[in-house]
C-alpha atoms as a PDB file:
ATOM      1  CA  MET A   1     114.725  86.232 124.303  1.00  0.00           C
ATOM      2  CA  LYS A   2     116.817  88.508 126.484  1.00  0.00           C
ATOM      3  CA  ASN A   3     115.239  87.649 129.798  1.00  0.00           C
ATOM      4  CA  LEU A   4     112.411  85.908 131.544  1.00  0.00           C
ATOM      5  CA  PHE A   5     110.411  89.096 131.892  1.00  0.00           C
ATOM      6  CA  ARG A   6     110.302  89.611 128.148  1.00  0.00           C
ATOM      7  CA  ASN A   7     109.202  85.993 127.672  1.00  0.00           C
ATOM      8  CA  VAL A   8     106.282  86.647 130.010  1.00  0.00           C
ATOM      9  CA  VAL A   9     105.389  89.767 128.040  1.00  0.00           C
ATOM     10  CA  LEU A  10     105.344  87.844 124.760  1.00  0.00           C
ATOM     11  CA  VAL A  11     103.199  85.076 126.225  1.00  0.00           C
ATOM     12  CA  CYS A  12     100.781  87.698 127.488  1.00  0.00           C
ATOM     13  CA  ALA A  13     100.720  89.184 124.000  1.00  0.00           C
ATOM     14  CA  PHE A  14      99.644  85.887 122.514  1.00  0.00           C
ATOM     15  CA  ILE A  15      97.009  85.334 125.183  1.00  0.00           C
ATOM     16  CA  CYS A  16      95.677  88.800 124.448  1.00  0.00           C
ATOM     17  CA  ILE A  17      95.479  88.137 120.710  1.00  0.00           C
ATOM     18  CA  SER A  18      94.167  84.607 121.070  1.00  0.00           C
ATOM     19  CA  SER A  19      91.277  85.892 123.164  1.00  0.00           C
ATOM     20  CA  VAL A  20      89.844  87.734 120.199  1.00  0.00           C
ATOM     21  CA  ASP A  21      86.671  85.896 119.166  1.00  0.00           C
ATOM     22  CA  ALA A  22      83.749  86.839 116.964  1.00  0.00           C
ATOM     23  CA  GLN A  23      82.033  88.768 119.759  1.00  0.00           C
ATOM     24  CA  GLU A  24      85.101  90.784 120.696  1.00  0.00           C
ATOM     25  CA  SER A  25      86.279  91.477 117.148  1.00  0.00           C
ATOM     26  CA  SER A  26      83.750  94.281 116.735  1.00  0.00           C
ATOM     27  CA  THR A  27      85.507  96.244 119.505  1.00  0.00           C
ATOM     28  CA  GLN A  28      89.063  95.021 118.922  1.00  0.00           C
ATOM     29  CA  PRO A  29      89.499  94.508 115.175  1.00  0.00           C
ATOM     30  CA  VAL A  30      92.613  92.789 113.907  1.00  0.00           C
ATOM     31  CA  TRP A  31      92.690  94.980 110.807  1.00  0.00           C
ATOM     32  CA  LYS A  32      91.948  98.658 110.500  1.00  0.00           C
ATOM     33  CA  MET A  33      90.764  99.040 106.936  1.00  0.00           C
ATOM     34  CA  VAL A  34      91.950 102.090 105.022  1.00  0.00           C
ATOM     35  CA  ASP A  35      89.854 103.764 102.349  1.00  0.00           C
ATOM     36  CA  VAL A  36      92.123 104.045  99.301  1.00  0.00           C
ATOM     37  CA  ASP A  37      90.806 105.116  95.910  1.00  0.00           C
ATOM     38  CA  CYS A  38      91.919 102.131  93.821  1.00  0.00           C
ATOM     39  CA  LYS A  39      89.075  99.659  94.146  1.00  0.00           C
ATOM     40  CA  GLN A  40      89.569  98.567  90.546  1.00  0.00           C
ATOM     41  CA  ALA A  41      92.964  97.022  91.328  1.00  0.00           C
ATOM     42  CA  SER A  42      93.953  93.702  92.842  1.00  0.00           C
ATOM     43  CA  LEU A  43      96.949  94.433  95.072  1.00  0.00           C
ATOM     44  CA  ARG A  44      99.637  91.776  95.532  1.00  0.00           C
ATOM     45  CA  GLY A  45     102.913  93.681  95.780  1.00  0.00           C
ATOM     46  CA  LEU A  46     103.645  95.117  99.243  1.00  0.00           C
ATOM     47  CA  HIS A  47     106.720  96.522 100.981  1.00  0.00           C
ATOM     48  CA  VAL A  48     106.714  98.147 104.425  1.00  0.00           C
ATOM     49  CA  LEU A  49     110.046  99.966 104.326  1.00  0.00           C
ATOM     50  CA  ASP A  50     109.604 101.552 107.766  1.00  0.00           C
ATOM     51  CA  VAL A  51     106.809 102.997 109.898  1.00  0.00           C
ATOM     52  CA  LYS A  52     106.395 105.979 107.539  1.00  0.00           C
ATOM     53  CA  HIS A  53     107.146 104.671 104.064  1.00  0.00           C
ATOM     54  CA  LEU A  54     104.742 102.099 102.623  1.00  0.00           C
ATOM     55  CA  PHE A  55     104.466 100.756  99.083  1.00  0.00           C
ATOM     56  CA  ALA A  56     101.927  98.557  97.282  1.00  0.00           C
ATOM     57  CA  SER A  57     101.296  97.530  93.681  1.00  0.00           C
ATOM     58  CA  GLY A  58      98.893  95.532  91.589  1.00  0.00           C
ATOM     59  CA  SER A  59      96.827  95.149  88.456  1.00  0.00           C
ATOM     60  CA  GLN A  60      96.083  97.818  85.850  1.00  0.00           C
ATOM     61  CA  GLY A  61      99.524  99.347  86.352  1.00  0.00           C
ATOM     62  CA  THR A  62      98.648 100.478  89.871  1.00  0.00           C
ATOM     63  CA  VAL A  63     101.180 101.713  92.429  1.00  0.00           C
ATOM     64  CA  LEU A  64     100.359 103.137  95.876  1.00  0.00           C
ATOM     65  CA  HIS A  65     102.658 104.724  98.405  1.00  0.00           C
ATOM     66  CA  SER A  66     102.470 106.605 101.680  1.00  0.00           C
ATOM     67  CA  VAL A  67     105.117 108.779 103.328  1.00  0.00           C
ATOM     68  CA  ASP A  68     103.216 109.437 106.569  1.00  0.00           C
ATOM     69  CA  GLY A  69     102.603 105.987 107.978  1.00  0.00           C
ATOM     70  CA  GLY A  70      99.437 105.329 106.004  1.00  0.00           C
ATOM     71  CA  ASP A  71      97.490 108.447 106.953  1.00  0.00           C
ATOM     72  CA  ASN A  72      97.494 109.439 103.287  1.00  0.00           C
ATOM     73  CA  TRP A  73      98.074 107.358 100.170  1.00  0.00           C
ATOM     74  CA  HIS A  74      99.077 108.461  96.704  1.00  0.00           C
ATOM     75  CA  VAL A  75      97.564 106.263  93.980  1.00  0.00           C
ATOM     76  CA  GLN A  76      98.874 106.259  90.432  1.00  0.00           C
ATOM     77  CA  THR A  77      98.804 104.315  87.182  1.00  0.00           C
ATOM     78  CA  VAL A  78     102.257 103.928  85.687  1.00  0.00           C
ATOM     79  CA  SER A  79     102.273 105.525  82.237  1.00  0.00           C
ATOM     80  CA  GLY A  80     102.526 102.945  79.474  1.00  0.00           C
ATOM     81  CA  ALA A  81     101.816 100.111  81.889  1.00  0.00           C
ATOM     82  CA  GLU A  82      98.045 100.388  82.175  1.00  0.00           C
ATOM     83  CA  GLU A  83      97.544  96.722  81.234  1.00  0.00           C
ATOM     84  CA  LEU A  84     100.296  95.311  83.426  1.00  0.00           C
ATOM     85  CA  ASP A  85      99.969  93.531  86.768  1.00  0.00           C
ATOM     86  CA  PHE A  86     102.702  94.616  89.210  1.00  0.00           C
ATOM     87  CA  ARG A  87     102.749  91.669  91.585  1.00  0.00           C
ATOM     88  CA  SER A  88     105.977  92.552  93.376  1.00  0.00           C
ATOM     89  CA  ILE A  89     107.451  95.819  94.644  1.00  0.00           C
ATOM     90  CA  HIS A  90     110.662  96.618  96.513  1.00  0.00           C
ATOM     91  CA  ALA A  91     111.821  99.898  98.018  1.00  0.00           C
ATOM     92  CA  ILE A  92     115.600 100.185  98.335  1.00  0.00           C
ATOM     93  CA  ASP A  93     114.949 103.380 100.275  1.00  0.00           C
ATOM     94  CA  ALA A  94     112.291 106.094 100.326  1.00  0.00           C
ATOM     95  CA  ASP A  95     113.313 107.362  96.871  1.00  0.00           C
ATOM     96  CA  ASN A  96     114.495 104.303  94.942  1.00  0.00           C
ATOM     97  CA  VAL A  97     111.704 101.833  94.250  1.00  0.00           C
ATOM     98  CA  LEU A  98     111.293  98.949  91.790  1.00  0.00           C
ATOM     99  CA  ILE A  99     108.181  97.209  90.496  1.00  0.00           C
ATOM    100  CA  VAL A 100     107.941  93.929  88.588  1.00  0.00           C
ATOM    101  CA  SER A 101     105.115  92.852  86.289  1.00  0.00           C
ATOM    102  CA  ALA A 102     103.795  89.332  85.846  1.00  0.00           C
ATOM    103  CA  GLY A 103     102.706  88.210  82.391  1.00  0.00           C
ATOM    104  CA  THR A 104     103.693  89.362  78.907  1.00  0.00           C
ATOM    105  CA  PRO A 105     105.509  91.623  78.407  1.00  0.00           C
ATOM    106  CA  ALA A 106     107.608  90.971  81.519  1.00  0.00           C
ATOM    107  CA  ARG A 107     108.908  94.324  82.724  1.00  0.00           C
ATOM    108  CA  ILE A 108     110.835  95.951  85.543  1.00  0.00           C
ATOM    109  CA  TYR A 109     110.342  99.649  86.265  1.00  0.00           C
ATOM    110  CA  ARG A 110     112.434 101.853  88.521  1.00  0.00           C
ATOM    111  CA  SER A 111     111.730 105.151  90.281  1.00  0.00           C
ATOM    112  CA  SER A 112     114.456 107.354  91.757  1.00  0.00           C
ATOM    113  CA  ASP A 113     112.152 110.096  93.031  1.00  0.00           C
ATOM    114  CA  GLY A 114     109.848 108.327  95.458  1.00  0.00           C
ATOM    115  CA  CYS A 115     107.372 106.981  92.858  1.00  0.00           C
ATOM    116  CA  LYS A 116     106.780 110.341  91.151  1.00  0.00           C
ATOM    117  CA  THR A 117     108.154 109.096  87.817  1.00  0.00           C
ATOM    118  CA  TRP A 118     109.072 105.665  86.466  1.00  0.00           C
ATOM    119  CA  THR A 119     111.654 104.361  83.999  1.00  0.00           C
ATOM    120  CA  LYS A 120     111.412 100.993  82.261  1.00  0.00           C
ATOM    121  CA  VAL A 121     114.760  99.317  82.992  1.00  0.00           C
ATOM    122  CA  CYS A 122     114.083  95.787  81.717  1.00  0.00           C
ATOM    123  CA  GLU A 123     111.652  94.221  79.256  1.00  0.00           C
ATOM    124  CA  ARG A 124     111.236  90.723  77.878  1.00  0.00           C
ATOM    125  CA  THR A 125     108.552  90.272  75.195  1.00  0.00           C
ATOM    126  CA  ASP A 126     109.055  86.542  74.754  1.00  0.00           C
ATOM    127  CA  PRO A 127     105.974  84.921  76.393  1.00  0.00           C
ATOM    128  CA  LYS A 128     108.277  82.403  78.077  1.00  0.00           C
ATOM    129  CA  PHE A 129     109.278  85.162  80.516  1.00  0.00           C
ATOM    130  CA  PHE A 130     106.985  85.506  83.544  1.00  0.00           C
ATOM    131  CA  PHE A 131     108.363  87.437  86.528  1.00  0.00           C
ATOM    132  CA  ASP A 132     107.200  86.493  90.048  1.00  0.00           C
ATOM    133  CA  ALA A 133     109.189  88.344  92.723  1.00  0.00           C
ATOM    134  CA  ILE A 134     111.965  90.811  93.513  1.00  0.00           C
ATOM    135  CA  ASP A 135     114.286  91.184  96.505  1.00  0.00           C
ATOM    136  CA  PHE A 136     117.654  92.764  97.359  1.00  0.00           C
ATOM    137  CA  TRP A 137     120.676  91.755  99.439  1.00  0.00           C
ATOM    138  CA  ASP A 138     121.819  95.350  99.720  1.00  0.00           C
ATOM    139  CA  LYS A 139     121.122  98.690  98.053  1.00  0.00           C
ATOM    140  CA  GLN A 140     123.047  97.744  94.919  1.00  0.00           C
ATOM    141  CA  THR A 141     122.582  94.011  94.452  1.00  0.00           C
ATOM    142  CA  GLY A 142     119.195  92.412  93.885  1.00  0.00           C
ATOM    143  CA  VAL A 143     117.426  89.621  92.039  1.00  0.00           C
ATOM    144  CA  VAL A 144     114.176  89.042  90.166  1.00  0.00           C
ATOM    145  CA  MET A 145     112.804  85.516  89.949  1.00  0.00           C
ATOM    146  CA  GLY A 146     110.721  84.245  87.052  1.00  0.00           C
ATOM    147  CA  ASP A 147     109.128  80.992  85.989  1.00  0.00           C
ATOM    148  CA  PRO A 148     111.373  78.357  84.379  1.00  0.00           C
ATOM    149  CA  ILE A 149     112.392  78.696  80.747  1.00  0.00           C
ATOM    150  CA  ASP A 150     113.286  75.466  78.960  1.00  0.00           C
ATOM    151  CA  GLY A 151     113.595  73.587  82.247  1.00  0.00           C
ATOM    152  CA  LYS A 152     115.702  76.164  84.046  1.00  0.00           C
ATOM    153  CA  LEU A 153     114.692  78.772  86.622  1.00  0.00           C
ATOM    154  CA  CYS A 154     114.716  82.329  85.303  1.00  0.00           C
ATOM    155  CA  LEU A 155     116.740  84.682  87.512  1.00  0.00           C
ATOM    156  CA  MET A 156     117.692  88.280  86.688  1.00  0.00           C
ATOM    157  CA  LYS A 157     120.382  90.102  88.683  1.00  0.00           C
ATOM    158  CA  THR A 158     121.345  93.743  89.190  1.00  0.00           C
ATOM    159  CA  VAL A 159     124.526  95.144  90.716  1.00  0.00           C
ATOM    160  CA  ASP A 160     123.727  98.842  90.234  1.00  0.00           C
ATOM    161  CA  GLY A 161     120.584  99.327  92.295  1.00  0.00           C
ATOM    162  CA  GLY A 162     118.200  98.070  89.632  1.00  0.00           C
ATOM    163  CA  GLN A 163     119.266 100.296  86.743  1.00  0.00           C
ATOM    164  CA  THR A 164     120.399  97.350  84.589  1.00  0.00           C
ATOM    165  CA  TRP A 165     119.587  93.636  84.686  1.00  0.00           C
ATOM    166  CA  THR A 166     121.274  90.497  83.360  1.00  0.00           C
ATOM    167  CA  GLN A 167     120.187  86.867  83.416  1.00  0.00           C
ATOM    168  CA  ILE A 168     121.951  84.512  85.848  1.00  0.00           C
ATOM    169  CA  ASP A 169     123.408  81.649  83.801  1.00  0.00           C
ATOM    170  CA  THR A 170     123.918  79.451  86.869  1.00  0.00           C
ATOM    171  CA  ALA A 171     120.201  79.247  87.740  1.00  0.00           C
ATOM    172  CA  PRO A 172     119.106  75.728  88.773  1.00  0.00           C
ATOM    173  CA  LYS A 173     117.173  73.222  86.685  1.00  0.00           C
ATOM    174  CA  THR A 174     113.518  72.529  87.498  1.00  0.00           C
ATOM    175  CA  ASN A 175     111.238  69.501  87.353  1.00  0.00           C
ATOM    176  CA  PRO A 176     108.495  69.155  84.716  1.00  0.00           C
ATOM    177  CA  GLY A 177     105.608  71.510  85.456  1.00  0.00           C
ATOM    178  CA  GLU A 178     107.407  73.151  88.368  1.00  0.00           C
ATOM    179  CA  ALA A 179     107.104  76.941  88.712  1.00  0.00           C
ATOM    180  CA  GLY A 180     106.605  79.772  91.161  1.00  0.00           C
ATOM    181  CA  PHE A 181     103.388  81.483  92.190  1.00  0.00           C
ATOM    182  CA  ALA A 182     103.251  85.250  91.688  1.00  0.00           C
ATOM    183  CA  ALA A 183     100.738  85.672  94.492  1.00  0.00           C
ATOM    184  CA  SER A 184     102.429  88.046  96.935  1.00  0.00           C
ATOM    185  CA  GLY A 185     105.994  88.589  95.759  1.00  0.00           C
ATOM    186  CA  THR A 186     107.296  86.455  98.638  1.00  0.00           C
ATOM    187  CA  ASN A 187     107.959  83.066  97.058  1.00  0.00           C
ATOM    188  CA  MET A 188     111.587  84.238  96.855  1.00  0.00           C
ATOM    189  CA  ILE A 189     113.583  85.827  99.686  1.00  0.00           C
ATOM    190  CA  THR A 190     117.142  86.995 100.246  1.00  0.00           C
ATOM    191  CA  ILE A 191     118.750  86.475 103.660  1.00  0.00           C
ATOM    192  CA  GLY A 192     121.800  88.305 104.935  1.00  0.00           C
ATOM    193  CA  GLN A 193     124.490  89.195 102.427  1.00  0.00           C
ATOM    194  CA  ASN A 194     124.527  86.085 100.240  1.00  0.00           C
ATOM    195  CA  ARG A 195     121.631  83.659 100.786  1.00  0.00           C
ATOM    196  CA  LEU A 196     118.778  83.221  98.307  1.00  0.00           C
ATOM    197  CA  LEU A 197     115.756  80.919  98.625  1.00  0.00           C
ATOM    198  CA  VAL A 198     113.170  80.257  95.919  1.00  0.00           C
ATOM    199  CA  ALA A 199     109.974  78.316  96.644  1.00  0.00           C
ATOM    200  CA  LEU A 200     108.506  76.215  93.848  1.00  0.00           C
ATOM    201  CA  GLY A 201     105.107  74.629  93.419  1.00  0.00           C
ATOM    202  CA  CYS A 202     102.765  73.918  90.524  1.00  0.00           C
ATOM    203  CA  ALA A 203     102.828  70.689  88.476  1.00  0.00           C
ATOM    204  CA  GLU A 204     101.776  69.219  85.170  1.00  0.00           C
ATOM    205  CA  GLU A 205      98.085  68.561  84.623  1.00  0.00           C
ATOM    206  CA  ASN A 206      96.661  65.389  86.173  1.00  0.00           C
ATOM    207  CA  THR A 207      99.629  64.995  88.526  1.00  0.00           C
ATOM    208  CA  SER A 208      99.983  65.665  92.248  1.00  0.00           C
ATOM    209  CA  PRO A 209     103.573  65.219  93.461  1.00  0.00           C
ATOM    210  CA  ALA A 210     104.017  64.434  97.147  1.00  0.00           C
ATOM    211  CA  SER A 211     106.119  67.499  97.878  1.00  0.00           C
ATOM    212  CA  SER A 212     107.181  70.928  96.734  1.00  0.00           C
ATOM    213  CA  ARG A 213     110.777  72.069  96.587  1.00  0.00           C
ATOM    214  CA  ILE A 214     112.921  74.974  97.651  1.00  0.00           C
ATOM    215  CA  VAL A 215     116.132  75.768  95.826  1.00  0.00           C
ATOM    216  CA  LEU A 216     118.655  77.694  97.888  1.00  0.00           C
ATOM    217  CA  SER A 217     121.994  79.345  97.257  1.00  0.00           C
ATOM    218  CA  GLU A 218     124.631  80.443  99.755  1.00  0.00           C
ATOM    219  CA  ASP A 219     126.541  82.541  97.204  1.00  0.00           C
ATOM    220  CA  ARG A 220     124.005  84.780  95.431  1.00  0.00           C
ATOM    221  CA  GLY A 221     123.054  82.177  92.853  1.00  0.00           C
ATOM    222  CA  ALA A 222     126.441  80.792  91.836  1.00  0.00           C
ATOM    223  CA  THR A 223     125.740  77.313  93.260  1.00  0.00           C
ATOM    224  CA  TRP A 224     122.545  75.642  94.467  1.00  0.00           C
ATOM    225  CA  GLN A 225     121.116  73.105  96.893  1.00  0.00           C
ATOM    226  CA  VAL A 226     117.642  71.544  96.835  1.00  0.00           C
ATOM    227  CA  ALA A 227     115.283  70.892  99.757  1.00  0.00           C
ATOM    228  CA  GLU A 228     112.085  68.832  99.654  1.00  0.00           C
ATOM    229  CA  VAL A 229     109.137  70.459 101.461  1.00  0.00           C
ATOM    230  CA  PRO A 230     106.097  68.398 102.617  1.00  0.00           C
ATOM    231  CA  ILE A 231     103.531  70.553 100.834  1.00  0.00           C
ATOM    232  CA  LYS A 232     101.884  68.777  97.898  1.00  0.00           C
ATOM    233  CA  ARG A 233     101.901  70.540  94.573  1.00  0.00           C
ATOM    234  CA  SER A 234      99.503  70.520  91.634  1.00  0.00           C
ATOM    235  CA  PRO A 235      98.734  72.947  88.808  1.00  0.00           C
ATOM    236  CA  SER A 236      97.164  75.252  91.419  1.00  0.00           C
ATOM    237  CA  ALA A 237      98.982  74.214  94.600  1.00  0.00           C
ATOM    238  CA  GLY A 238     102.348  74.303  96.329  1.00  0.00           C
ATOM    239  CA  ILE A 239     104.413  76.812  98.283  1.00  0.00           C
ATOM    240  CA  PHE A 240     103.322  80.431  97.863  1.00  0.00           C
ATOM    241  CA  SER A 241     105.311  82.344 100.477  1.00  0.00           C
ATOM    242  CA  LEU A 242     108.449  82.202 102.625  1.00  0.00           C
ATOM    243  CA  CYS A 243     109.588  84.203 105.629  1.00  0.00           C
ATOM    244  CA  VAL A 244     112.342  84.238 108.241  1.00  0.00           C
ATOM    245  CA  SER A 245     111.058  83.892 111.790  1.00  0.00           C
ATOM    246  CA  GLU A 246     114.102  84.143 114.082  1.00  0.00           C
ATOM    247  CA  GLY A 247     117.688  83.205 113.377  1.00  0.00           C
ATOM    248  CA  LYS A 248     117.721  80.157 111.114  1.00  0.00           C
ATOM    249  CA  LYS A 249     113.995  79.496 111.493  1.00  0.00           C
ATOM    250  CA  LEU A 250     112.040  79.672 108.229  1.00  0.00           C
ATOM    251  CA  VAL A 251     108.369  79.237 107.403  1.00  0.00           C
ATOM    252  CA  ALA A 252     106.619  78.224 104.190  1.00  0.00           C
ATOM    253  CA  VAL A 253     102.882  78.564 103.561  1.00  0.00           C
ATOM    254  CA  GLY A 254     100.659  77.802 100.605  1.00  0.00           C
ATOM    255  CA  GLY A 255      98.041  75.271  99.614  1.00  0.00           C
ATOM    256  CA  ASP A 256      95.647  75.225  96.679  1.00  0.00           C
ATOM    257  CA  TYR A 257      94.377  78.648  95.625  1.00  0.00           C
ATOM    258  CA  LYS A 258      91.417  77.010  93.895  1.00  0.00           C
ATOM    259  CA  LYS A 259      90.413  75.505  97.258  1.00  0.00           C
ATOM    260  CA  PRO A 260      90.717  78.490  99.624  1.00  0.00           C
ATOM    261  CA  ASN A 261      89.048  76.698 102.545  1.00  0.00           C
ATOM    262  CA  SER A 262      91.140  73.537 102.384  1.00  0.00           C
ATOM    263  CA  VAL A 263      93.421  73.099 105.406  1.00  0.00           C
ATOM    264  CA  ASN A 264      95.581  70.412 103.820  1.00  0.00           C
ATOM    265  CA  ASP A 265      99.206  70.944 102.811  1.00  0.00           C
ATOM    266  CA  THR A 266      99.391  74.605 103.787  1.00  0.00           C
ATOM    267  CA  PHE A 267     102.387  74.876 106.139  1.00  0.00           C
ATOM    268  CA  ALA A 268     105.961  73.700 106.720  1.00  0.00           C
ATOM    269  CA  ARG A 269     108.879  74.960 108.800  1.00  0.00           C
ATOM    270  CA  SER A 270     112.660  74.697 108.952  1.00  0.00           C
ATOM    271  CA  PHE A 271     115.045  75.045 111.889  1.00  0.00           C
ATOM    272  CA  ASP A 272     118.262  74.975 109.855  1.00  0.00           C
ATOM    273  CA  GLY A 273     117.944  77.840 107.419  1.00  0.00           C
ATOM    274  CA  GLY A 274     115.880  75.952 104.849  1.00  0.00           C
ATOM    275  CA  LYS A 275     117.980  72.839 104.310  1.00  0.00           C
ATOM    276  CA  THR A 276     115.393  70.480 105.846  1.00  0.00           C
ATOM    277  CA  TRP A 277     111.655  70.962 106.303  1.00  0.00           C
ATOM    278  CA  SER A 278     108.879  69.335 108.316  1.00  0.00           C
ATOM    279  CA  THR A 279     105.188  69.850 108.921  1.00  0.00           C
ATOM    280  CA  ILE A 280     102.925  69.422 111.934  1.00  0.00           C
ATOM    281  CA  LYS A 281      99.737  67.413 112.214  1.00  0.00           C
ATOM    282  CA  SER A 282      97.552  69.600 114.398  1.00  0.00           C
ATOM    283  CA  ASP A 283      93.891  70.342 114.961  1.00  0.00           C
ATOM    284  CA  ASN A 284      94.950  73.979 115.281  1.00  0.00           C
ATOM    285  CA  GLY A 285      96.549  74.499 111.895  1.00  0.00           C
ATOM    286  CA  LEU A 286      96.047  77.162 109.273  1.00  0.00           C
ATOM    287  CA  THR A 287      92.390  77.618 108.380  1.00  0.00           C
ATOM    288  CA  GLY A 288      92.811  77.675 104.625  1.00  0.00           C
ATOM    289  CA  PHE A 289      95.045  78.444 101.672  1.00  0.00           C
ATOM    290  CA  ARG A 290      97.598  81.129 102.555  1.00  0.00           C
ATOM    291  CA  SER A 291      99.357  83.273  99.959  1.00  0.00           C
ATOM    292  CA  CYS A 292     101.641  85.186 102.338  1.00  0.00           C
ATOM    293  CA  VAL A 293     103.253  84.858 105.774  1.00  0.00           C
ATOM    294  CA  ALA A 294     105.213  87.397 107.816  1.00  0.00           C
ATOM    295  CA  SER A 295     106.985  87.536 111.160  1.00  0.00           C
ATOM    296  CA  THR A 296     105.903  90.008 113.818  1.00  0.00           C
ATOM    297  CA  ILE A 297     107.055  90.804 117.369  1.00  0.00           C
ATOM    298  CA  GLY A 298     108.975  88.001 119.084  1.00  0.00           C
ATOM    299  CA  GLY A 299     109.052  85.873 115.944  1.00  0.00           C
ATOM    300  CA  HIS A 300     105.304  85.348 116.053  1.00  0.00           C
ATOM    301  CA  LEU A 301     103.692  84.644 112.674  1.00  0.00           C
ATOM    302  CA  VAL A 302     100.776  86.091 110.735  1.00  0.00           C
ATOM    303  CA  ALA A 303      99.495  84.394 107.575  1.00  0.00           C
ATOM    304  CA  VAL A 304      96.887  85.728 105.171  1.00  0.00           C
ATOM    305  CA  GLY A 305      94.847  84.283 102.344  1.00  0.00           C
ATOM    306  CA  THR A 306      91.648  85.022 100.522  1.00  0.00           C
ATOM    307  CA  ASN A 307      89.473  83.557 103.295  1.00  0.00           C
ATOM    308  CA  GLY A 308      91.057  85.140 106.388  1.00  0.00           C
ATOM    309  CA  THR A 309      93.984  85.711 108.748  1.00  0.00           C
ATOM    310  CA  ASP A 310      95.756  83.268 111.102  1.00  0.00           C
ATOM    311  CA  TYR A 311      98.213  83.921 113.949  1.00  0.00           C
ATOM    312  CA  SER A 312     100.816  81.732 115.675  1.00  0.00           C
ATOM    313  CA  ALA A 313     102.950  82.430 118.752  1.00  0.00           C
ATOM    314  CA  ASP A 314     104.801  79.081 118.706  1.00  0.00           C
ATOM    315  CA  PHE A 315     106.453  78.952 115.294  1.00  0.00           C
ATOM    316  CA  GLY A 316     103.443  77.415 113.602  1.00  0.00           C
ATOM    317  CA  ALA A 317     102.818  74.538 116.014  1.00  0.00           C
ATOM    318  CA  ASN A 318      99.382  76.057 116.636  1.00  0.00           C
ATOM    319  CA  TRP A 319      97.457  78.683 114.712  1.00  0.00           C
ATOM    320  CA  LYS A 320      94.545  80.868 115.772  1.00  0.00           C
ATOM    321  CA  ARG A 321      92.115  82.257 113.228  1.00  0.00           C
ATOM    322  CA  ILE A 322      91.819  85.887 114.265  1.00  0.00           C
ATOM    323  CA  SER A 323      90.015  87.517 111.357  1.00  0.00           C
ATOM    324  CA  ASP A 324      87.817  86.704 108.395  1.00  0.00           C
ATOM    325  CA  GLU A 325      89.435  89.584 106.485  1.00  0.00           C
ATOM    326  CA  GLY A 326      91.209  88.127 103.481  1.00  0.00           C
ATOM    327  CA  PHE A 327      94.295  89.545 101.756  1.00  0.00           C
ATOM    328  CA  HIS A 328      96.928  88.548  99.211  1.00  0.00           C
ATOM    329  CA  SER A 329      99.985  90.069 100.930  1.00  0.00           C
ATOM    330  CA  ILE A 330     101.249  91.074 104.353  1.00  0.00           C
ATOM    331  CA  ASP A 331     104.432  92.778 105.550  1.00  0.00           C
ATOM    332  CA  PHE A 332     105.808  94.122 108.831  1.00  0.00           C
ATOM    333  CA  THR A 333     108.553  96.558 109.749  1.00  0.00           C
ATOM    334  CA  ALA A 334     111.896  95.051 110.734  1.00  0.00           C
ATOM    335  CA  GLY A 335     110.954  95.232 114.421  1.00  0.00           C
ATOM    336  CA  GLY A 336     107.599  93.598 113.785  1.00  0.00           C
ATOM    337  CA  LYS A 337     105.510  96.281 115.467  1.00  0.00           C
ATOM    338  CA  THR A 338     103.835  97.789 112.401  1.00  0.00           C
ATOM    339  CA  GLY A 339     102.143  95.658 109.769  1.00  0.00           C
ATOM    340  CA  TRP A 340     100.059  96.172 106.644  1.00  0.00           C
ATOM    341  CA  ALA A 341      98.148  93.921 104.266  1.00  0.00           C
ATOM    342  CA  ALA A 342      96.925  94.317 100.688  1.00  0.00           C
ATOM    343  CA  GLY A 343      94.338  92.440  98.673  1.00  0.00           C
ATOM    344  CA  ALA A 344      91.619  92.378  96.053  1.00  0.00           C
ATOM    345  CA  LEU A 345      89.511  95.424  95.159  1.00  0.00           C
ATOM    346  CA  GLY A 346      92.235  97.790  96.327  1.00  0.00           C
ATOM    347  CA  ARG A 347      91.910  96.677  99.942  1.00  0.00           C
ATOM    348  CA  ILE A 348      94.527  97.969 102.395  1.00  0.00           C
ATOM    349  CA  GLY A 349      94.530  97.053 106.082  1.00  0.00           C
ATOM    350  CA  LYS A 350      96.713  98.092 109.024  1.00  0.00           C
ATOM    351  CA  TRP A 351      97.544  95.574 111.745  1.00  0.00           C
ATOM    352  CA  SER A 352      95.707  96.821 114.842  1.00  0.00           C
ATOM    353  CA  LEU A 353      96.536  94.306 117.565  1.00  0.00           C
ATOM    354  CA  GLN A 354      99.575  95.229 119.633  1.00  0.00           C
ATOM    355  CA  PRO A 355     101.054  93.350 122.599  1.00  0.00           C
ATOM    356  CA  PRO A 356     101.417  95.052 125.992  1.00  0.00           C
ATOM    357  CA  THR A 357     104.483  97.272 126.370  1.00  0.00           C
ATOM    358  CA  GLU A 358     107.117  96.628 129.014  1.00  0.00           C
END
């Protein structure tokens, strides 16, 4: 924080948001729902490039984008991909956009004209390939993460802006049953120019390991470290999403997607860039399974899941349930002022609560 005055402003912002209860929510909604003609699609991919350019993707080959800050949305079905589920999307800029499908065949498509046309740039028909997420360090170099193949994490890398992809041979080994969750495209994140973090959950049937893991690289995947995270994993549980809060602060959320109202094992945080993780025993924790978390103004956090939305102004020490609106994904602009969420039945929502201005 730059000065005491700004700290006061941020505290006031949290007080303002925390005061939203069921009675007030009818006049001060957390989400402004947008009517988009794609109710047949479940939307999980989401990228808020800036205040004007917004991108979302999902099942049945669906891609949405807006160039006017969400006033109007263009909805399309990618030709030849009508049966695919695009669970992750990344916009390098307003023109160059990539989408990644989960399932078989595993494909990556690229657009160089602002989503008008698409080119298939990578395909794997072997059912062992299952892509989960995509992210970029810069406009040329990016990575796609997929579930383990023969006990080793699947990572694909590009050095030409997503036009060609090759498998990273130095990907780390995984434990039996360990995998990612393609729930919001945020179980993998790049940080800065070289860092890469991948969150793992899942487990073999009839097992429930005490913790999940994060594998992290400081050199774009050449070498790896492992961090234990106190979020239990099972075939339907573990870490689902990561985000950077401020500086070296990182947040992980998840839980069991088959138990959306369970408040157990849903949150962990790191103060050292992801090398060590801890959780908090609190009566004011997350109010259910959360598939995505994002950082907003002042490093405050917003987490969404199928049963609602939670907010924290103290790096996850306490959470406030501020909406019963459920989503799969959430993303904010770099400054944290503008946020959007995407979910089932083609649901798109714009973050409506804003803190006072200085």
